[in-house]
Structures are given as C-alpha cells and as structure tokens.
Amino acid sequence: MRFTLRQLQVFVAIARSENVSRAAEALALSQSAASAALAELESQSALPLFDRHGKRLRLNDQGSVLLPHAVELLDRAAELEGLLRGEHGLGRLRVGATLTIGNYLLPLIVSNFLQAHPEARVALQVRNTATIAELLRHHEIDLGLVEGQVVDAELEVESWVEDELVVFCAPAHPLATHGRSGPGVELEEIAQQPWILRERGSGTRETFDRALRHLPGGVVPRLELEHTEAVKRAVESGLGLGCLSRLALRDAFRRGSLVAVEVPALDLRRRFSFVWHRGKYHGAAMRRFLEDCRAFTSGARRSDEIPLPPVA
C-alpha cells in the first residue's frame, strides 16, 4: 500500500468542503501541499476521484465509493494513535440532533456521559432532520438523533423511542375547553384556524403534514418558525394553534400556560431514531453514547414519560 493517512485526510477534507484551499486551511496545510497529496492519491487510484468545476471539486462515482472507507480508516487510525499514546479514554464524538431531542433530552444525556467519561469530548449540533441527514452523508458528524423520517441508501436508521405530537392552544382560545374536558375536536374545526408551525424540513412539520394529508387543502400556516420555543411563545400570545411533541409541551401543560387540543382523527405518532452513515466505524465513544441513550429512555413507553426534572 503506497497511500498515506495524510493523503486520505486531504481527500476527506476536500470531499467535505469541495474546495482545496478550504480543506488545506482545515488541516493547517499549504494549498500546494494539499493539492500534491490529492494528486498523489489520484495517481495511485488510476482514476480521478473528483469532477472539477472551476475551483469546486465534487466527488465522482469512484470518490463516493472511496469516501466511507477512507473515513472509517481514519477513525480507526485516530483510535490506534490514542492507544499508542497511552490514552484509554473515549475521545471525541460529533453528534447532530433535531430540536426536540437536542433541547429536551440530549443536554441531560450528554451531561451524564461527560460526567462518567471526563476525558471525552462531545461536539453537538442542533438542526432539523434534513440538515442532520446532509451532515451525515458528508461525514461531518458521527451520529444523528432525529425525529423525522430518513430514507437514504447511504444512511442506517435504528428506532429509539416513540414520540407523539399534540395540537395545542392558549388557555383563552375557544378550543381550549376541548383540551380540558371535551371529547376532542373534528378536523373541520381546526382546518380554518390560524396555525403556528415548524418550518418545512423539520421532522415535526413532516409528521404534521403527513397526518393532514387526507384533509382537502390542508391548513395554511400563519407563521412558520425554526425553533420549538418560538412556536410555543407565539401560541401562548394567542396567534393561533400549534402542533409540537408532547415532550416539549409537558411543563407548559403542567403550568397551564398552554392547553392540549385532542383531535382523534389525527395520527400524530412518530419515533425518535438513531442515524449514522452505513460505512461509519463505531468507535468506543459512539458505542458507549448509544448505550447511554438507550438506558436513558429505558422503561418509557413514550418520550413524554421519560423522567426529566421539571422546568420552572
């Protein structure tokens, strides 16, 4: 084998950034050194690994096949390097989570993980499902925890815990009494209401739109927001109905600042899932973190039944 780990590092960095100069900067190399490393690797493969579009380099079929293997080899090499240095810790883990999971579950999971393994390092990004899937495809994160559906031949999905969305409103809203004591409302009653919803691309919006697929015309959002807390605040102020995870709303329901509106005709069930690239090497940090996530939700039938400290 004539290739070097440095050549593979350069290849992976260019695949992520699609630019030699940005890849060189990320690796603290000169642009000429990065270009030379790529040229040497491509000369050994006998085929180019990228299609050139000016300064932009995009993986071709050959490069796409090589990328997950290169990432796995670099991950294993980093683990081996730590062992040779006498390090026995878990190392670094890059995690991406969607908003409900990232805001309500992961802070506690990560806190427990780091307390048990103080030598570990976790880099956490909180994005919507579509963005998490894109980061995984480009090997920019190691593990995704998502609430939306991911259908991608490059990605492996493992079910985690059940979740359910719920329609909700402010206590003064005309439909609030249905949340307190009524039998629920019909689809026609909510169809004409103004709605405050998450943005398209989020798992929450995907589940909501799928549940309403049989309603002619669906609903027209009055306001679309990228953050769960912003949706809650807008609904509290009386701007309209919202639909979020029961997990995100249970403290507001407990305080009475928001009220659930049960709509029996809507199936708002979904599942939280783990997602990773099919070629991803599961190092010690990733294996232990997955174990901690499963243990954290063990015994809970649904996400809002997971024991969590109440928020004042």
C-alpha atoms as a PDB file:
ATOM      1  CA  MET A   1       0.000   0.000   0.000  1.00  0.00           C
ATOM      2  CA  ARG A   2       1.500   3.289  -1.129  1.00  0.00           C
ATOM      3  CA  PHE A   3      -1.153   5.725   0.064  1.00  0.00           C
ATOM      4  CA  THR A   4      -0.670   7.630   3.320  1.00  0.00           C
ATOM      5  CA  LEU A   5      -3.047   8.695   6.062  1.00  0.00           C
ATOM      6  CA  ARG A   6      -2.244  12.304   5.188  1.00  0.00           C
ATOM      7  CA  GLN A   7      -3.427  11.730   1.630  1.00  0.00           C
ATOM      8  CA  LEU A   8      -6.671  10.255   2.941  1.00  0.00           C
ATOM      9  CA  GLN A   9      -7.113  13.192   5.344  1.00  0.00           C
ATOM     10  CA  VAL A  10      -6.750  15.616   2.454  1.00  0.00           C
ATOM     11  CA  PHE A  11      -9.156  13.587   0.309  1.00  0.00           C
ATOM     12  CA  VAL A  12     -11.826  13.546   3.045  1.00  0.00           C
ATOM     13  CA  ALA A  13     -11.378  17.261   3.808  1.00  0.00           C
ATOM     14  CA  ILE A  14     -11.785  18.176   0.131  1.00  0.00           C
ATOM     15  CA  ALA A  15     -14.835  15.902  -0.168  1.00  0.00           C
ATOM     16  CA  ARG A  16     -16.450  17.797   2.728  1.00  0.00           C
ATOM     17  CA  SER A  17     -15.585  21.314   1.610  1.00  0.00           C
ATOM     18  CA  GLU A  18     -15.467  20.764  -2.189  1.00  0.00           C
ATOM     19  CA  ASN A  19     -12.550  23.173  -2.259  1.00  0.00           C
ATOM     20  CA  VAL A  20      -8.793  22.601  -1.951  1.00  0.00           C
ATOM     21  CA  SER A  21      -7.945  25.854  -0.193  1.00  0.00           C
ATOM     22  CA  ARG A  22     -10.643  25.378   2.490  1.00  0.00           C
ATOM     23  CA  ALA A  23      -9.527  21.786   3.019  1.00  0.00           C
ATOM     24  CA  ALA A  24      -5.899  22.893   3.355  1.00  0.00           C
ATOM     25  CA  GLU A  25      -6.900  25.535   5.904  1.00  0.00           C
ATOM     26  CA  ALA A  26      -8.847  22.959   7.946  1.00  0.00           C
ATOM     27  CA  LEU A  27      -5.784  20.686   8.034  1.00  0.00           C
ATOM     28  CA  ALA A  28      -3.256  23.508   8.630  1.00  0.00           C
ATOM     29  CA  LEU A  29      -1.528  22.722   5.326  1.00  0.00           C
ATOM     30  CA  SER A  30      -0.455  24.911   2.442  1.00  0.00           C
ATOM     31  CA  GLN A  31      -2.696  24.771  -0.597  1.00  0.00           C
ATOM     32  CA  SER A  32       0.155  23.350  -2.670  1.00  0.00           C
ATOM     33  CA  ALA A  33       0.723  20.548  -0.124  1.00  0.00           C
ATOM     34  CA  ALA A  34      -2.974  19.642  -0.169  1.00  0.00           C
ATOM     35  CA  SER A  35      -3.074  19.677  -3.974  1.00  0.00           C
ATOM     36  CA  ALA A  36       0.030  17.475  -4.129  1.00  0.00           C
ATOM     37  CA  ALA A  37      -1.433  14.963  -1.665  1.00  0.00           C
ATOM     38  CA  LEU A  38      -4.623  14.678  -3.705  1.00  0.00           C
ATOM     39  CA  ALA A  39      -2.686  14.343  -6.962  1.00  0.00           C
ATOM     40  CA  GLU A  40      -0.580  11.533  -5.496  1.00  0.00           C
ATOM     41  CA  LEU A  41      -3.682   9.682  -4.264  1.00  0.00           C
ATOM     42  CA  GLU A  42      -5.458  10.027  -7.603  1.00  0.00           C
ATOM     43  CA  SER A  43      -2.372   8.838  -9.488  1.00  0.00           C
ATOM     44  CA  GLN A  44      -2.357   5.663  -7.368  1.00  0.00           C
ATOM     45  CA  SER A  45      -6.061   5.017  -7.959  1.00  0.00           C
ATOM     46  CA  ALA A  46      -5.570   5.293 -11.732  1.00  0.00           C
ATOM     47  CA  LEU A  47      -8.849   7.232 -11.877  1.00  0.00           C
ATOM     48  CA  PRO A  48      -9.806  10.753 -10.782  1.00  0.00           C
ATOM     49  CA  LEU A  49     -11.782  10.971  -7.552  1.00  0.00           C
ATOM     50  CA  PHE A  50     -13.426  14.336  -8.227  1.00  0.00           C
ATOM     51  CA  ASP A  51     -15.128  16.147 -11.062  1.00  0.00           C
ATOM     52  CA  ARG A  52     -13.650  19.631 -11.454  1.00  0.00           C
ATOM     53  CA  HIS A  53     -15.917  22.663 -11.835  1.00  0.00           C
ATOM     54  CA  GLY A  54     -13.583  25.651 -11.632  1.00  0.00           C
ATOM     55  CA  LYS A  55     -12.333  25.786  -8.048  1.00  0.00           C
ATOM     56  CA  ARG A  56     -15.097  23.436  -6.921  1.00  0.00           C
ATOM     57  CA  LEU A  57     -14.379  19.703  -6.681  1.00  0.00           C
ATOM     58  CA  ARG A  58     -17.294  17.278  -6.451  1.00  0.00           C
ATOM     59  CA  LEU A  59     -16.919  13.587  -5.697  1.00  0.00           C
ATOM     60  CA  ASN A  60     -17.429  11.373  -8.722  1.00  0.00           C
ATOM     61  CA  ASP A  61     -18.601   7.754  -8.510  1.00  0.00           C
ATOM     62  CA  GLN A  62     -15.105   6.480  -7.744  1.00  0.00           C
ATOM     63  CA  GLY A  63     -14.618   9.059  -4.985  1.00  0.00           C
ATOM     64  CA  SER A  64     -18.050   8.364  -3.499  1.00  0.00           C
ATOM     65  CA  VAL A  65     -17.175   4.680  -3.161  1.00  0.00           C
ATOM     66  CA  LEU A  66     -13.838   5.520  -1.535  1.00  0.00           C
ATOM     67  CA  LEU A  67     -15.090   8.153   0.936  1.00  0.00           C
ATOM     68  CA  PRO A  68     -16.778   5.971   3.626  1.00  0.00           C
ATOM     69  CA  HIS A  69     -13.815   3.565   3.614  1.00  0.00           C
ATOM     70  CA  ALA A  70     -11.378   6.458   4.000  1.00  0.00           C
ATOM     71  CA  VAL A  71     -13.381   7.930   6.894  1.00  0.00           C
ATOM     72  CA  GLU A  72     -13.529   4.543   8.628  1.00  0.00           C
ATOM     73  CA  LEU A  73      -9.784   4.018   8.242  1.00  0.00           C
ATOM     74  CA  LEU A  74      -9.031   7.492   9.641  1.00  0.00           C
ATOM     75  CA  ASP A  75     -11.356   6.877  12.606  1.00  0.00           C
ATOM     76  CA  ARG A  76      -9.611   3.603  13.384  1.00  0.00           C
ATOM     77  CA  ALA A  77      -6.196   5.250  12.979  1.00  0.00           C
ATOM     78  CA  ALA A  78      -7.166   8.008  15.442  1.00  0.00           C
ATOM     79  CA  GLU A  79      -8.259   5.384  17.968  1.00  0.00           C
ATOM     80  CA  LEU A  80      -4.986   3.492  17.470  1.00  0.00           C
ATOM     81  CA  GLU A  81      -2.971   6.688  17.870  1.00  0.00           C
ATOM     82  CA  GLY A  82      -4.651   7.313  21.209  1.00  0.00           C
ATOM     83  CA  LEU A  83      -3.755   3.818  22.398  1.00  0.00           C
ATOM     84  CA  LEU A  84      -0.135   4.281  21.339  1.00  0.00           C
ATOM     85  CA  ARG A  85      -0.035   7.476  23.395  1.00  0.00           C
ATOM     86  CA  GLY A  86      -1.312   5.586  26.419  1.00  0.00           C
ATOM     87  CA  GLU A  87      -4.741   7.203  26.236  1.00  0.00           C
ATOM     88  CA  HIS A  88      -7.596   4.953  27.317  1.00  0.00           C
ATOM     89  CA  GLY A  89     -10.453   7.455  27.137  1.00  0.00           C
ATOM     90  CA  LEU A  90     -13.291   7.596  24.660  1.00  0.00           C
ATOM     91  CA  GLY A  91     -12.027  10.532  22.608  1.00  0.00           C
ATOM     92  CA  ARG A  92     -14.178  12.898  20.538  1.00  0.00           C
ATOM     93  CA  LEU A  93     -17.725  12.386  19.282  1.00  0.00           C
ATOM     94  CA  ARG A  94     -19.654  14.611  16.874  1.00  0.00           C
ATOM     95  CA  VAL A  95     -23.407  14.412  17.389  1.00  0.00           C
ATOM     96  CA  GLY A  96     -26.240  16.027  15.464  1.00  0.00           C
ATOM     97  CA  ALA A  97     -29.754  16.203  16.933  1.00  0.00           C
ATOM     98  CA  THR A  98     -33.075  17.621  15.873  1.00  0.00           C
ATOM     99  CA  LEU A  99     -34.623  20.352  18.012  1.00  0.00           C
ATOM    100  CA  THR A 100     -36.957  18.379  20.273  1.00  0.00           C
ATOM    101  CA  ILE A 101     -34.279  15.813  21.095  1.00  0.00           C
ATOM    102  CA  GLY A 102     -31.497  18.391  21.242  1.00  0.00           C
ATOM    103  CA  ASN A 103     -33.368  20.756  23.554  1.00  0.00           C
ATOM    104  CA  TYR A 104     -35.136  18.346  25.909  1.00  0.00           C
ATOM    105  CA  LEU A 105     -33.204  15.055  26.062  1.00  0.00           C
ATOM    106  CA  LEU A 106     -29.619  15.483  24.925  1.00  0.00           C
ATOM    107  CA  PRO A 107     -28.479  18.085  27.494  1.00  0.00           C
ATOM    108  CA  LEU A 108     -29.088  15.523  30.253  1.00  0.00           C
ATOM    109  CA  ILE A 109     -27.706  12.571  28.269  1.00  0.00           C
ATOM    110  CA  VAL A 110     -24.541  14.464  27.310  1.00  0.00           C
ATOM    111  CA  SER A 111     -24.112  15.741  30.865  1.00  0.00           C
ATOM    112  CA  ASN A 112     -24.291  12.195  32.268  1.00  0.00           C
ATOM    113  CA  PHE A 113     -21.950  10.935  29.537  1.00  0.00           C
ATOM    114  CA  LEU A 114     -19.289  13.569  30.234  1.00  0.00           C
ATOM    115  CA  GLN A 115     -19.516  13.130  33.996  1.00  0.00           C
ATOM    116  CA  ALA A 116     -18.906   9.405  33.567  1.00  0.00           C
ATOM    117  CA  HIS A 117     -16.148   9.992  30.985  1.00  0.00           C
ATOM    118  CA  PRO A 118     -14.475  13.344  31.746  1.00  0.00           C
ATOM    119  CA  GLU A 119     -11.773  12.736  29.134  1.00  0.00           C
ATOM    120  CA  ALA A 120     -14.373  12.541  26.333  1.00  0.00           C
ATOM    121  CA  ARG A 121     -15.304  15.486  24.106  1.00  0.00           C
ATOM    122  CA  VAL A 122     -18.725  15.957  22.505  1.00  0.00           C
ATOM    123  CA  ALA A 123     -19.458  18.435  19.715  1.00  0.00           C
ATOM    124  CA  LEU A 124     -23.230  18.869  19.402  1.00  0.00           C
ATOM    125  CA  GLN A 125     -25.148  20.478  16.544  1.00  0.00           C
ATOM    126  CA  VAL A 126     -28.913  21.038  16.808  1.00  0.00           C
ATOM    127  CA  ARG A 127     -30.533  21.226  13.344  1.00  0.00           C
ATOM    128  CA  ASN A 128     -33.623  19.945  11.544  1.00  0.00           C
ATOM    129  CA  THR A 129     -33.864  16.399  10.172  1.00  0.00           C
ATOM    130  CA  ALA A 130     -32.977  17.301   6.583  1.00  0.00           C
ATOM    131  CA  THR A 131     -29.797  19.089   7.694  1.00  0.00           C
ATOM    132  CA  ILE A 132     -28.756  16.247  10.016  1.00  0.00           C
ATOM    133  CA  ALA A 133     -29.091  13.764   7.136  1.00  0.00           C
ATOM    134  CA  GLU A 134     -26.965  16.002   4.912  1.00  0.00           C
ATOM    135  CA  LEU A 135     -24.256  16.295   7.582  1.00  0.00           C
ATOM    136  CA  LEU A 136     -24.181  12.508   7.925  1.00  0.00           C
ATOM    137  CA  ARG A 137     -23.901  11.998   4.180  1.00  0.00           C
ATOM    138  CA  HIS A 138     -20.851  14.279   4.129  1.00  0.00           C
ATOM    139  CA  HIS A 139     -19.328  12.601   7.232  1.00  0.00           C
ATOM    140  CA  GLU A 140     -19.374  15.921   9.105  1.00  0.00           C
ATOM    141  CA  ILE A 141     -20.939  14.280  12.172  1.00  0.00           C
ATOM    142  CA  ASP A 142     -20.668  10.748  13.549  1.00  0.00           C
ATOM    143  CA  LEU A 143     -24.197  10.195  14.812  1.00  0.00           C
ATOM    144  CA  GLY A 144     -27.622  11.722  14.288  1.00  0.00           C
ATOM    145  CA  LEU A 145     -30.609  11.628  16.643  1.00  0.00           C
ATOM    146  CA  VAL A 146     -33.684  12.620  14.673  1.00  0.00           C
ATOM    147  CA  GLU A 147     -37.457  12.865  14.997  1.00  0.00           C
ATOM    148  CA  GLY A 148     -38.248  12.847  11.290  1.00  0.00           C
ATOM    149  CA  GLN A 149     -38.163  10.080   8.704  1.00  0.00           C
ATOM    150  CA  VAL A 150     -34.838   9.457   6.972  1.00  0.00           C
ATOM    151  CA  VAL A 151     -34.911   7.381   3.786  1.00  0.00           C
ATOM    152  CA  ASP A 152     -31.447   7.279   2.257  1.00  0.00           C
ATOM    153  CA  ALA A 153     -29.482   4.337   0.895  1.00  0.00           C
ATOM    154  CA  GLU A 154     -26.279   5.782   2.417  1.00  0.00           C
ATOM    155  CA  LEU A 155     -27.667   6.018   5.952  1.00  0.00           C
ATOM    156  CA  GLU A 156     -28.539   3.404   8.567  1.00  0.00           C
ATOM    157  CA  VAL A 157     -31.570   4.113  10.780  1.00  0.00           C
ATOM    158  CA  GLU A 158     -32.310   2.451  14.134  1.00  0.00           C
ATOM    159  CA  SER A 159     -35.537   3.076  16.034  1.00  0.00           C
ATOM    160  CA  TRP A 160     -35.107   4.568  19.517  1.00  0.00           C
ATOM    161  CA  VAL A 161     -38.256   5.639  21.382  1.00  0.00           C
ATOM    162  CA  GLU A 162     -41.847   6.521  20.451  1.00  0.00           C
ATOM    163  CA  ASP A 163     -42.967  10.143  20.399  1.00  0.00           C
ATOM    164  CA  GLU A 164     -46.289  11.854  19.726  1.00  0.00           C
ATOM    165  CA  LEU A 165     -47.220  15.337  18.608  1.00  0.00           C
ATOM    166  CA  VAL A 166     -50.235  17.154  20.020  1.00  0.00           C
ATOM    167  CA  VAL A 167     -52.267  20.145  18.858  1.00  0.00           C
ATOM    168  CA  PHE A 168     -52.298  22.910  21.470  1.00  0.00           C
ATOM    169  CA  CYS A 169     -53.534  26.434  22.082  1.00  0.00           C
ATOM    170  CA  ALA A 170     -53.531  29.279  24.604  1.00  0.00           C
ATOM    171  CA  PRO A 171     -55.875  28.900  27.632  1.00  0.00           C
ATOM    172  CA  ALA A 172     -58.125  31.717  26.346  1.00  0.00           C
ATOM    173  CA  HIS A 173     -58.567  30.129  22.898  1.00  0.00           C
ATOM    174  CA  PRO A 174     -62.135  28.973  22.058  1.00  0.00           C
ATOM    175  CA  LEU A 175     -60.894  25.380  21.584  1.00  0.00           C
ATOM    176  CA  ALA A 176     -59.153  25.272  24.981  1.00  0.00           C
ATOM    177  CA  THR A 177     -62.166  23.690  26.718  1.00  0.00           C
ATOM    178  CA  HIS A 178     -61.819  20.663  24.433  1.00  0.00           C
ATOM    179  CA  GLY A 179     -58.361  20.148  25.889  1.00  0.00           C
ATOM    180  CA  ARG A 180     -59.616  20.253  29.443  1.00  0.00           C
ATOM    181  CA  SER A 181     -62.784  18.171  29.434  1.00  0.00           C
ATOM    182  CA  GLY A 182     -64.234  17.742  25.961  1.00  0.00           C
ATOM    183  CA  PRO A 183     -64.185  14.625  23.754  1.00  0.00           C
ATOM    184  CA  GLY A 184     -61.882  16.256  21.244  1.00  0.00           C
ATOM    185  CA  VAL A 185     -62.465  18.248  18.084  1.00  0.00           C
ATOM    186  CA  GLU A 186     -63.154  17.357  14.466  1.00  0.00           C
ATOM    187  CA  LEU A 187     -60.745  18.065  11.634  1.00  0.00           C
ATOM    188  CA  GLU A 188     -63.155  20.606  10.177  1.00  0.00           C
ATOM    189  CA  GLU A 189     -62.971  22.633  13.400  1.00  0.00           C
ATOM    190  CA  ILE A 190     -59.203  23.058  13.193  1.00  0.00           C
ATOM    191  CA  ALA A 191     -58.948  23.412   9.404  1.00  0.00           C
ATOM    192  CA  GLN A 192     -59.964  27.069   9.374  1.00  0.00           C
ATOM    193  CA  GLN A 193     -57.868  28.069  12.390  1.00  0.00           C
ATOM    194  CA  PRO A 194     -54.631  30.100  12.030  1.00  0.00           C
ATOM    195  CA  TRP A 195     -51.585  27.892  12.642  1.00  0.00           C
ATOM    196  CA  ILE A 196     -48.088  28.458  14.021  1.00  0.00           C
ATOM    197  CA  LEU A 197     -45.890  25.647  12.678  1.00  0.00           C
ATOM    198  CA  ARG A 198     -42.300  24.475  12.427  1.00  0.00           C
ATOM    199  CA  GLU A 199     -40.514  25.012   9.133  1.00  0.00           C
ATOM    200  CA  ARG A 200     -40.528  22.531   6.254  1.00  0.00           C
ATOM    201  CA  GLY A 201     -37.605  20.114   6.543  1.00  0.00           C
ATOM    202  CA  SER A 202     -38.186  19.564  10.246  1.00  0.00           C
ATOM    203  CA  GLY A 203     -39.381  16.177  11.496  1.00  0.00           C
ATOM    204  CA  THR A 204     -42.222  17.858  13.398  1.00  0.00           C
ATOM    205  CA  ARG A 205     -43.573  19.559  10.279  1.00  0.00           C
ATOM    206  CA  GLU A 206     -43.207  16.337   8.275  1.00  0.00           C
ATOM    207  CA  THR A 207     -45.299  14.379  10.806  1.00  0.00           C
ATOM    208  CA  PHE A 208     -47.942  17.124  10.947  1.00  0.00           C
ATOM    209  CA  ASP A 209     -48.254  17.374   7.154  1.00  0.00           C
ATOM    210  CA  ARG A 210     -48.459  13.585   6.829  1.00  0.00           C
ATOM    211  CA  ALA A 211     -51.266  13.427   9.426  1.00  0.00           C
ATOM    212  CA  LEU A 212     -53.238  16.052   7.479  1.00  0.00           C
ATOM    213  CA  ARG A 213     -52.708  14.515   4.043  1.00  0.00           C
ATOM    214  CA  HIS A 214     -56.384  13.461   3.782  1.00  0.00           C
ATOM    215  CA  LEU A 215     -57.700  16.920   4.690  1.00  0.00           C
ATOM    216  CA  PRO A 216     -58.603  18.715   1.424  1.00  0.00           C
ATOM    217  CA  GLY A 217     -56.399  21.774   1.128  1.00  0.00           C
ATOM    218  CA  GLY A 218     -54.611  21.045   4.403  1.00  0.00           C
ATOM    219  CA  VAL A 219     -54.021  24.099   6.569  1.00  0.00           C
ATOM    220  CA  VAL A 220     -52.305  27.362   5.722  1.00  0.00           C
ATOM    221  CA  PRO A 221     -49.684  28.400   8.309  1.00  0.00           C
ATOM    222  CA  ARG A 222     -49.978  31.906   9.626  1.00  0.00           C
ATOM    223  CA  LEU A 223     -46.377  31.749  10.822  1.00  0.00           C
ATOM    224  CA  GLU A 224     -43.525  29.262  10.294  1.00  0.00           C
ATOM    225  CA  LEU A 225     -40.682  29.195  12.820  1.00  0.00           C
ATOM    226  CA  GLU A 226     -37.432  27.259  13.138  1.00  0.00           C
ATOM    227  CA  HIS A 227     -37.458  26.903  16.923  1.00  0.00           C
ATOM    228  CA  THR A 228     -39.787  24.979  19.203  1.00  0.00           C
ATOM    229  CA  GLU A 229     -39.743  27.601  21.950  1.00  0.00           C
ATOM    230  CA  ALA A 230     -40.650  30.320  19.448  1.00  0.00           C
ATOM    231  CA  VAL A 231     -43.692  28.309  18.359  1.00  0.00           C
ATOM    232  CA  LYS A 232     -44.775  27.910  21.995  1.00  0.00           C
ATOM    233  CA  ARG A 233     -44.396  31.631  22.714  1.00  0.00           C
ATOM    234  CA  ALA A 234     -46.378  32.587  19.605  1.00  0.00           C
ATOM    235  CA  VAL A 235     -49.223  30.250  20.540  1.00  0.00           C
ATOM    236  CA  GLU A 236     -49.197  31.484  24.149  1.00  0.00           C
ATOM    237  CA  SER A 237     -49.695  35.009  22.821  1.00  0.00           C
ATOM    238  CA  GLY A 238     -52.889  33.925  21.046  1.00  0.00           C
ATOM    239  CA  LEU A 239     -51.701  33.929  17.436  1.00  0.00           C
ATOM    240  CA  GLY A 240     -53.189  30.505  16.646  1.00  0.00           C
ATOM    241  CA  LEU A 241     -52.907  26.762  17.107  1.00  0.00           C
ATOM    242  CA  GLY A 242     -49.629  24.885  17.238  1.00  0.00           C
ATOM    243  CA  CYS A 243     -48.503  21.270  16.981  1.00  0.00           C
ATOM    244  CA  LEU A 244     -45.380  20.005  18.759  1.00  0.00           C
ATOM    245  CA  SER A 245     -44.118  16.977  20.662  1.00  0.00           C
ATOM    246  CA  ARG A 246     -45.828  16.247  23.969  1.00  0.00           C
ATOM    247  CA  LEU A 247     -42.300  16.076  25.376  1.00  0.00           C
ATOM    248  CA  ALA A 248     -41.725  19.743  24.524  1.00  0.00           C
ATOM    249  CA  LEU A 249     -45.084  20.779  25.976  1.00  0.00           C
ATOM    250  CA  ARG A 250     -45.473  18.816  29.202  1.00  0.00           C
ATOM    251  CA  ASP A 251     -44.153  21.552  31.518  1.00  0.00           C
ATOM    252  CA  ALA A 252     -46.316  24.173  29.784  1.00  0.00           C
ATOM    253  CA  PHE A 253     -49.345  21.868  30.189  1.00  0.00           C
ATOM    254  CA  ARG A 254     -48.435  21.347  33.852  1.00  0.00           C
ATOM    255  CA  ARG A 255     -48.245  25.125  34.421  1.00  0.00           C
ATOM    256  CA  GLY A 256     -51.439  25.750  32.454  1.00  0.00           C
ATOM    257  CA  SER A 257     -49.802  28.276  30.103  1.00  0.00           C
ATOM    258  CA  LEU A 258     -50.811  26.062  27.154  1.00  0.00           C
ATOM    259  CA  VAL A 259     -53.669  23.573  26.686  1.00  0.00           C
ATOM    260  CA  ALA A 260     -53.773  20.357  24.638  1.00  0.00           C
ATOM    261  CA  VAL A 261     -56.459  20.120  21.970  1.00  0.00           C
ATOM    262  CA  GLU A 262     -57.136  16.452  21.268  1.00  0.00           C
ATOM    263  CA  VAL A 263     -58.021  15.685  17.636  1.00  0.00           C
ATOM    264  CA  PRO A 264     -58.872  11.946  17.490  1.00  0.00           C
ATOM    265  CA  ALA A 265     -58.838  11.874  13.663  1.00  0.00           C
ATOM    266  CA  LEU A 266     -55.152  12.857  13.539  1.00  0.00           C
ATOM    267  CA  ASP A 267     -52.472  10.198  13.850  1.00  0.00           C
ATOM    268  CA  LEU A 268     -49.543  12.213  15.204  1.00  0.00           C
ATOM    269  CA  ARG A 269     -47.365   9.323  16.354  1.00  0.00           C
ATOM    270  CA  ARG A 270     -43.736   9.038  15.265  1.00  0.00           C
ATOM    271  CA  ARG A 271     -40.446   7.626  16.546  1.00  0.00           C
ATOM    272  CA  PHE A 272     -37.132   9.127  17.524  1.00  0.00           C
ATOM    273  CA  SER A 273     -34.288   7.355  15.738  1.00  0.00           C
ATOM    274  CA  PHE A 274     -30.519   6.984  15.657  1.00  0.00           C
ATOM    275  CA  VAL A 275     -28.937   7.540  12.246  1.00  0.00           C
ATOM    276  CA  TRP A 276     -25.391   7.011  11.007  1.00  0.00           C
ATOM    277  CA  HIS A 277     -23.592   6.516   7.712  1.00  0.00           C
ATOM    278  CA  ARG A 278     -23.606   2.868   6.622  1.00  0.00           C
ATOM    279  CA  GLY A 279     -19.824   2.943   6.333  1.00  0.00           C
ATOM    280  CA  LYS A 280     -19.333   4.556   9.742  1.00  0.00           C
ATOM    281  CA  TYR A 281     -16.920   2.850  12.143  1.00  0.00           C
ATOM    282  CA  HIS A 282     -18.473   2.608  15.610  1.00  0.00           C
ATOM    283  CA  GLY A 283     -15.643   3.638  17.894  1.00  0.00           C
ATOM    284  CA  ALA A 284     -15.716   3.305  21.668  1.00  0.00           C
ATOM    285  CA  ALA A 285     -17.223   6.776  22.182  1.00  0.00           C
ATOM    286  CA  MET A 286     -20.075   6.150  19.750  1.00  0.00           C
ATOM    287  CA  ARG A 287     -20.844   2.707  21.157  1.00  0.00           C
ATOM    288  CA  ARG A 288     -20.936   3.985  24.735  1.00  0.00           C
ATOM    289  CA  PHE A 289     -23.018   7.037  23.833  1.00  0.00           C
ATOM    290  CA  LEU A 290     -25.620   4.873  22.089  1.00  0.00           C
ATOM    291  CA  GLU A 291     -25.754   2.624  25.152  1.00  0.00           C
ATOM    292  CA  ASP A 292     -26.311   5.675  27.377  1.00  0.00           C
ATOM    293  CA  CYS A 293     -29.119   6.957  25.127  1.00  0.00           C
ATOM    294  CA  ARG A 294     -30.918   3.613  25.226  1.00  0.00           C
ATOM    295  CA  ALA A 295     -30.504   3.357  29.009  1.00  0.00           C
ATOM    296  CA  PHE A 296     -31.804   6.916  29.490  1.00  0.00           C
ATOM    297  CA  THR A 297     -35.134   6.099  27.826  1.00  0.00           C
ATOM    298  CA  SER A 298     -35.411   2.528  29.093  1.00  0.00           C
ATOM    299  CA  GLY A 299     -38.831   1.766  30.535  1.00  0.00           C
ATOM    300  CA  ALA A 300     -40.564   4.757  28.917  1.00  0.00           C
ATOM    301  CA  ARG A 301     -43.388   3.863  26.542  1.00  0.00           C
ATOM    302  CA  ARG A 302     -43.286   7.334  25.006  1.00  0.00           C
ATOM    303  CA  SER A 303     -40.896  10.283  25.129  1.00  0.00           C
ATOM    304  CA  ASP A 304     -43.068  12.416  27.450  1.00  0.00           C
ATOM    305  CA  GLU A 305     -42.926   9.594  30.023  1.00  0.00           C
ATOM    306  CA  ILE A 306     -39.126   9.787  30.331  1.00  0.00           C
ATOM    307  CA  PRO A 307     -38.273  11.029  33.861  1.00  0.00           C
ATOM    308  CA  LEU A 308     -36.963  14.593  33.491  1.00  0.00           C
ATOM    309  CA  PRO A 309     -36.597  17.419  36.016  1.00  0.00           C
ATOM    310  CA  PRO A 310     -39.480  19.897  35.614  1.00  0.00           C
ATOM    311  CA  VAL A 311     -38.760  23.342  34.169  1.00  0.00           C
ATOM    312  CA  ALA A 312     -39.960  26.253  36.275  1.00  0.00           C
END
